[in-house]
Protein backbone atom coordinates (compact mmCIF):
# COMPACT_ATOMS: atom_id res chain seq x y z
CA MET A 1 -0.90 -13.00 -25.08
CA LYS A 2 1.44 -10.19 -24.09
CA ALA A 3 4.63 -10.47 -22.06
CA ILE A 4 5.73 -7.80 -19.61
CA ILE A 5 9.32 -7.97 -18.35
CA LEU A 6 9.83 -6.01 -15.13
CA CYS A 7 13.18 -4.20 -15.42
CA ALA A 8 12.59 -0.94 -13.52
CA GLY A 9 14.61 -1.73 -10.39
CA TYR A 10 17.81 0.05 -9.43
CA ALA A 11 19.75 -3.06 -8.26
CA THR A 12 21.62 -1.26 -5.49
CA ARG A 13 22.80 -4.58 -4.00
CA LEU A 14 24.90 -5.16 -7.11
CA TYR A 15 26.78 -1.84 -6.99
CA PRO A 16 29.18 -0.95 -8.54
CA LEU A 17 28.19 -3.28 -11.43
CA THR A 18 24.77 -1.68 -11.73
CA GLU A 19 25.52 1.96 -10.94
CA ASN A 20 25.54 2.76 -14.66
CA GLN A 21 24.11 -0.44 -16.16
CA PRO A 22 20.68 -2.02 -15.57
CA LYS A 23 20.85 -5.48 -14.03
CA PRO A 24 18.87 -7.23 -16.82
CA LEU A 25 21.51 -6.10 -19.32
CA LEU A 26 24.42 -7.55 -17.35
CA SER A 27 25.98 -10.37 -19.34
CA VAL A 28 25.70 -13.97 -18.23
CA GLY A 29 28.08 -15.82 -20.50
CA PRO A 30 27.58 -14.66 -24.10
CA LYS A 31 24.43 -12.56 -23.65
CA PRO A 32 22.53 -10.38 -21.16
CA ILE A 33 20.12 -11.75 -18.57
CA LEU A 34 17.24 -10.20 -20.52
CA GLU A 35 18.07 -12.19 -23.64
CA TRP A 36 18.12 -15.45 -21.66
CA ILE A 37 14.59 -14.61 -20.53
CA LEU A 38 13.36 -13.62 -23.99
CA GLY A 39 14.86 -16.78 -25.46
CA GLN A 40 12.38 -18.75 -23.34
CA VAL A 41 9.51 -16.33 -24.02
CA GLU A 42 10.14 -16.75 -27.74
CA LYS A 43 9.06 -20.39 -27.54
CA ILE A 44 5.49 -19.43 -26.62
CA ARG A 45 3.69 -19.14 -29.94
CA GLU A 46 0.76 -17.13 -28.52
CA ILE A 47 2.97 -14.17 -27.57
CA ASP A 48 2.41 -11.28 -29.98
CA GLY A 49 4.10 -8.42 -28.15
CA VAL A 50 6.63 -7.76 -25.38
CA TYR A 51 6.97 -4.74 -23.11
CA ILE A 52 10.18 -4.02 -21.22
CA VAL A 53 9.35 -1.64 -18.36
CA SER A 54 12.30 0.41 -17.13
CA ASN A 55 12.92 3.69 -15.31
CA GLN A 56 14.18 7.12 -16.33
CA LYS A 57 17.76 6.25 -15.35
CA PHE A 58 18.06 3.16 -17.52
CA ALA A 59 15.39 3.43 -20.23
CA GLY A 60 17.97 4.69 -22.72
CA HIS A 61 20.10 1.59 -22.16
CA PHE A 62 17.15 -0.65 -23.04
CA GLU A 63 16.16 1.50 -26.03
CA LYS A 64 19.69 1.22 -27.40
CA TRP A 65 19.59 -2.55 -26.87
CA ALA A 66 16.13 -2.84 -28.49
CA VAL A 67 17.35 -1.24 -31.75
CA LYS A 68 19.41 -4.36 -32.44
CA ALA A 69 17.01 -6.90 -30.89
CA LYS A 70 15.53 -9.37 -33.35
CA TYR A 71 12.45 -11.27 -32.21
CA PRO A 72 9.28 -12.48 -33.95
CA TRP A 73 7.21 -9.79 -32.21
CA PRO A 74 7.69 -6.10 -31.41
CA VAL A 75 9.64 -5.26 -28.25
CA GLU A 76 8.66 -1.92 -26.73
CA VAL A 77 10.56 -0.20 -23.92
CA VAL A 78 8.26 1.57 -21.44
CA ASN A 79 9.81 4.29 -19.26
CA ASP A 80 7.95 4.56 -15.93
CA ARG A 81 9.58 8.00 -15.39
CA THR A 82 10.92 7.24 -11.90
CA THR A 83 14.43 8.40 -11.05
CA SER A 84 15.46 6.66 -7.84
CA ASN A 85 15.01 3.60 -5.66
CA GLU A 86 12.98 5.72 -3.25
CA THR A 87 10.48 6.91 -5.86
CA ARG A 88 10.09 3.67 -7.84
CA LEU A 89 6.56 2.49 -8.65
CA GLY A 90 7.27 -1.09 -7.63
CA ALA A 91 6.55 -4.23 -9.64
CA ILE A 92 2.76 -4.04 -9.40
CA GLY A 93 2.80 -0.29 -9.98
CA ASP A 94 4.86 -0.87 -13.13
CA LEU A 95 2.52 -3.61 -14.32
CA ALA A 96 -0.43 -1.23 -13.99
CA TYR A 97 1.58 1.56 -15.64
CA VAL A 98 2.21 -0.51 -18.77
CA ILE A 99 -1.43 -1.55 -19.03
CA ARG A 100 -2.65 2.03 -18.59
CA THR A 101 -0.17 3.94 -20.74
CA ARG A 102 -0.16 1.43 -23.60
CA LYS A 103 -3.95 1.14 -23.42
CA LEU A 104 -3.80 -2.65 -23.46
CA ALA A 105 -7.07 -4.46 -23.98
CA PRO A 106 -7.73 -7.37 -21.62
CA CYS A 107 -5.62 -10.35 -22.63
CA ASP A 108 -3.59 -13.09 -20.99
CA LEU A 109 -0.35 -11.76 -19.53
CA LEU A 110 2.98 -13.42 -18.91
CA VAL A 111 4.87 -11.32 -16.35
CA VAL A 112 8.54 -12.02 -15.64
CA ALA A 113 10.90 -10.25 -13.24
CA GLY A 114 13.94 -9.13 -15.22
CA ASP A 115 16.47 -10.60 -12.79
CA ASN A 116 15.43 -14.22 -13.37
CA PHE A 117 17.89 -16.70 -14.84
CA PHE A 118 16.37 -20.06 -15.78
CA ASP A 119 16.31 -22.81 -18.38
CA PHE A 120 12.88 -24.36 -17.80
CA ASP A 121 9.95 -24.58 -20.21
CA LEU A 122 7.69 -21.53 -20.19
CA VAL A 123 5.37 -23.23 -22.69
CA ALA A 124 4.47 -25.84 -20.09
CA PHE A 125 3.91 -23.03 -17.58
CA THR A 126 1.50 -21.07 -19.77
CA ASP A 127 -0.29 -24.26 -20.87
CA PHE A 128 -0.86 -25.04 -17.20
CA GLY A 129 -2.22 -21.53 -16.74
CA LYS A 130 -4.80 -21.99 -19.48
CA LYS A 131 -6.11 -25.06 -17.68
CA LYS A 132 -6.52 -23.08 -14.45
CA ARG A 133 -8.33 -20.04 -15.85
CA PRO A 134 -9.95 -17.89 -14.60
CA HIS A 135 -7.32 -18.17 -11.86
CA GLY A 136 -3.78 -16.86 -12.03
CA VAL A 137 -0.67 -19.04 -11.76
CA ILE A 138 2.78 -18.38 -10.33
CA ALA A 139 5.91 -20.35 -11.06
CA VAL A 140 7.58 -21.82 -7.96
CA TYR A 141 10.92 -23.48 -7.47
CA ASP A 142 11.90 -25.89 -4.73
CA VAL A 143 15.18 -24.50 -3.37
CA GLY A 144 15.50 -27.70 -1.34
CA ASP A 145 17.00 -26.14 1.77
CA LYS A 146 15.18 -24.36 4.61
CA GLU A 147 18.13 -22.12 5.40
CA LEU A 148 18.23 -20.96 1.78
CA ALA A 149 14.44 -20.66 1.74
CA LYS A 150 14.63 -17.84 4.32
CA ARG A 151 15.74 -15.52 1.50
CA TYR A 152 12.57 -15.92 -0.56
CA GLY A 153 8.84 -15.51 -0.60
CA LEU A 154 7.48 -19.03 -0.02
CA VAL A 155 4.19 -20.76 -0.78
CA LYS A 156 2.29 -23.71 0.63
CA THR A 157 -0.07 -25.56 -1.70
CA ASP A 158 -2.64 -28.32 -1.58
CA ALA A 159 -2.38 -31.53 -3.62
CA ASN A 160 -3.84 -29.79 -6.70
CA GLY A 161 -1.37 -26.92 -6.61
CA LYS A 162 -3.79 -24.35 -5.17
CA ILE A 163 -1.92 -21.88 -3.00
CA LEU A 164 -2.99 -21.97 0.63
CA GLU A 165 -0.44 -19.66 2.24
CA PHE A 166 2.31 -17.15 1.48
CA GLN A 167 5.33 -16.58 3.71
CA GLU A 168 7.61 -13.60 3.00
CA LYS A 169 11.21 -14.49 3.96
CA PRO A 170 10.13 -16.32 7.13
CA PRO A 171 12.69 -16.97 9.89
CA GLN A 172 11.28 -20.50 10.27
CA PRO A 173 10.23 -21.75 6.81
CA ALA A 174 7.46 -24.32 6.69
CA THR A 175 8.21 -25.06 3.03
CA THR A 176 11.04 -24.70 0.51
CA LEU A 177 8.81 -23.75 -2.44
CA ALA A 178 9.98 -20.28 -3.51
CA SER A 179 8.04 -17.89 -5.71
CA SER A 180 10.24 -17.26 -8.75
CA GLY A 181 8.92 -13.92 -10.01
CA ILE A 182 7.15 -15.46 -13.02
CA TYR A 183 3.38 -15.04 -13.30
CA TRP A 184 0.54 -15.93 -15.67
CA LEU A 185 -2.44 -13.59 -15.26
CA PRO A 186 -5.49 -14.40 -17.40
CA ARG A 187 -7.67 -11.72 -18.94
CA GLU A 188 -10.56 -12.72 -16.66
CA ILE A 189 -8.89 -11.14 -13.62
CA TRP A 190 -7.74 -7.82 -15.14
CA SER A 191 -10.21 -5.77 -13.11
CA LEU A 192 -8.76 -7.15 -9.89
CA LEU A 193 -5.50 -5.22 -10.42
CA ASP A 194 -7.39 -1.91 -10.31
CA THR A 195 -9.33 -3.07 -7.27
CA TYR A 196 -6.10 -3.99 -5.49
CA ILE A 197 -4.35 -0.69 -6.22
CA SER A 198 -7.36 1.57 -5.60
CA SER A 199 -7.80 -0.11 -2.19
CA GLY A 200 -4.39 1.20 -1.15
CA HIS A 201 -2.48 -2.09 -1.12
CA ASN A 202 1.29 -2.42 -1.48
CA THR A 203 2.44 -1.98 -5.10
CA ASP A 204 6.13 -2.72 -4.56
CA GLN A 205 6.75 -6.44 -4.14
CA PRO A 206 4.60 -8.64 -6.42
CA GLY A 207 4.21 -11.19 -3.62
CA HIS A 208 1.76 -8.87 -1.87
CA TYR A 209 -0.53 -8.85 -4.90
CA MET A 210 -0.20 -12.60 -5.37
CA ARG A 211 -1.15 -13.20 -1.74
CA TRP A 212 -4.18 -10.97 -2.22
CA LEU A 213 -5.15 -12.84 -5.40
CA ALA A 214 -4.82 -16.17 -3.58
CA GLU A 215 -7.19 -14.93 -0.88
CA ASN A 216 -9.69 -13.15 -3.11
CA SER A 217 -9.69 -15.03 -6.42
CA GLY A 218 -7.70 -18.22 -6.04
CA LEU A 219 -4.15 -18.77 -7.28
CA PHE A 220 -2.23 -21.85 -8.37
CA ALA A 221 1.45 -22.79 -8.33
CA PHE A 222 3.40 -24.47 -11.10
CA SER A 223 6.63 -26.19 -10.07
CA LEU A 224 9.62 -25.46 -12.27
CA ARG A 225 11.99 -28.15 -13.46
CA GLY A 226 15.53 -27.15 -14.35
CA LYS A 227 17.85 -24.38 -13.22
CA TRP A 228 16.65 -21.15 -11.65
CA LEU A 229 18.38 -18.24 -9.95
CA ASP A 230 17.10 -14.94 -8.66
CA ILE A 231 20.06 -12.70 -9.47
CA GLY A 232 19.95 -10.32 -6.56
CA ASP A 233 23.56 -9.99 -5.46
CA LEU A 234 27.12 -10.60 -6.63
CA ALA A 235 27.18 -14.22 -5.42
CA SER A 236 24.08 -15.22 -7.45
CA TYR A 237 25.38 -13.32 -10.48
CA GLN A 238 28.67 -15.19 -10.29
CA GLN A 239 26.77 -18.45 -9.84
CA ALA A 240 24.78 -17.81 -13.04
CA ASN A 241 28.00 -17.21 -14.97
CA ALA A 242 29.50 -20.39 -13.54
CA ILE A 243 26.49 -22.35 -14.83
CA VAL A 244 26.97 -21.00 -18.34
CA ASN A 245 30.77 -21.22 -18.26
CA PRO A 246 31.76 -23.93 -15.76
CA PRO A 247 35.28 -23.48 -14.37
CA ASN A 248 37.93 -25.72 -15.89
CA PRO A 249 39.33 -27.94 -13.08
CA LYS A 250 42.67 -28.12 -14.93
CA GLU A 251 43.18 -24.38 -14.74
């Protein structure tokens, strides 16, 4: 199993913090967001390689970080060669770029958006995925509030976890189950990525591909247990730091 961490965004909503620093390398407490993610990936014994996909602007930052990184498998930084938010490949474009340029043979993939902050068990997630093959699985998190749910891509499932419907930031949410940007894609559905892209579908937001998979192949949801944040703005970044370093009420 390979892991691909999507870190090629430009994080303009976090300026000025991310004007000269990639968001996944921003520190949350004692270490960067990326290392929180890899700490959970490290628990999956089947992982034998990790790819960090970045862009031309920030690839050097990740390469400098990777020199000192110590993990039980190789960590390779992949530069997608884009230079701006307007020319970015998008999450699905970057996924395909890594597969193509690194000539990966079909295998199970764990794909994680590099702005995720969480403490739940990825082993349970991938074990669930193995039981659902040949279908893919996405991790979902119940944000518990319909007003908050308006900010996310949402999913509706049946009693067995099969995804019935996607809603992208709906004004009137019918559910509070948010897609977390964590995906398990088994080797059996590799060819579908080429079919999706060659048909001219959206390669930016991964939710578009997941909706297409749900409709054309079947897709399941795995509910996360624990803490999860999508670090997209200053408020969520500050919230993540407050989780790691709770404020002292005596101060």
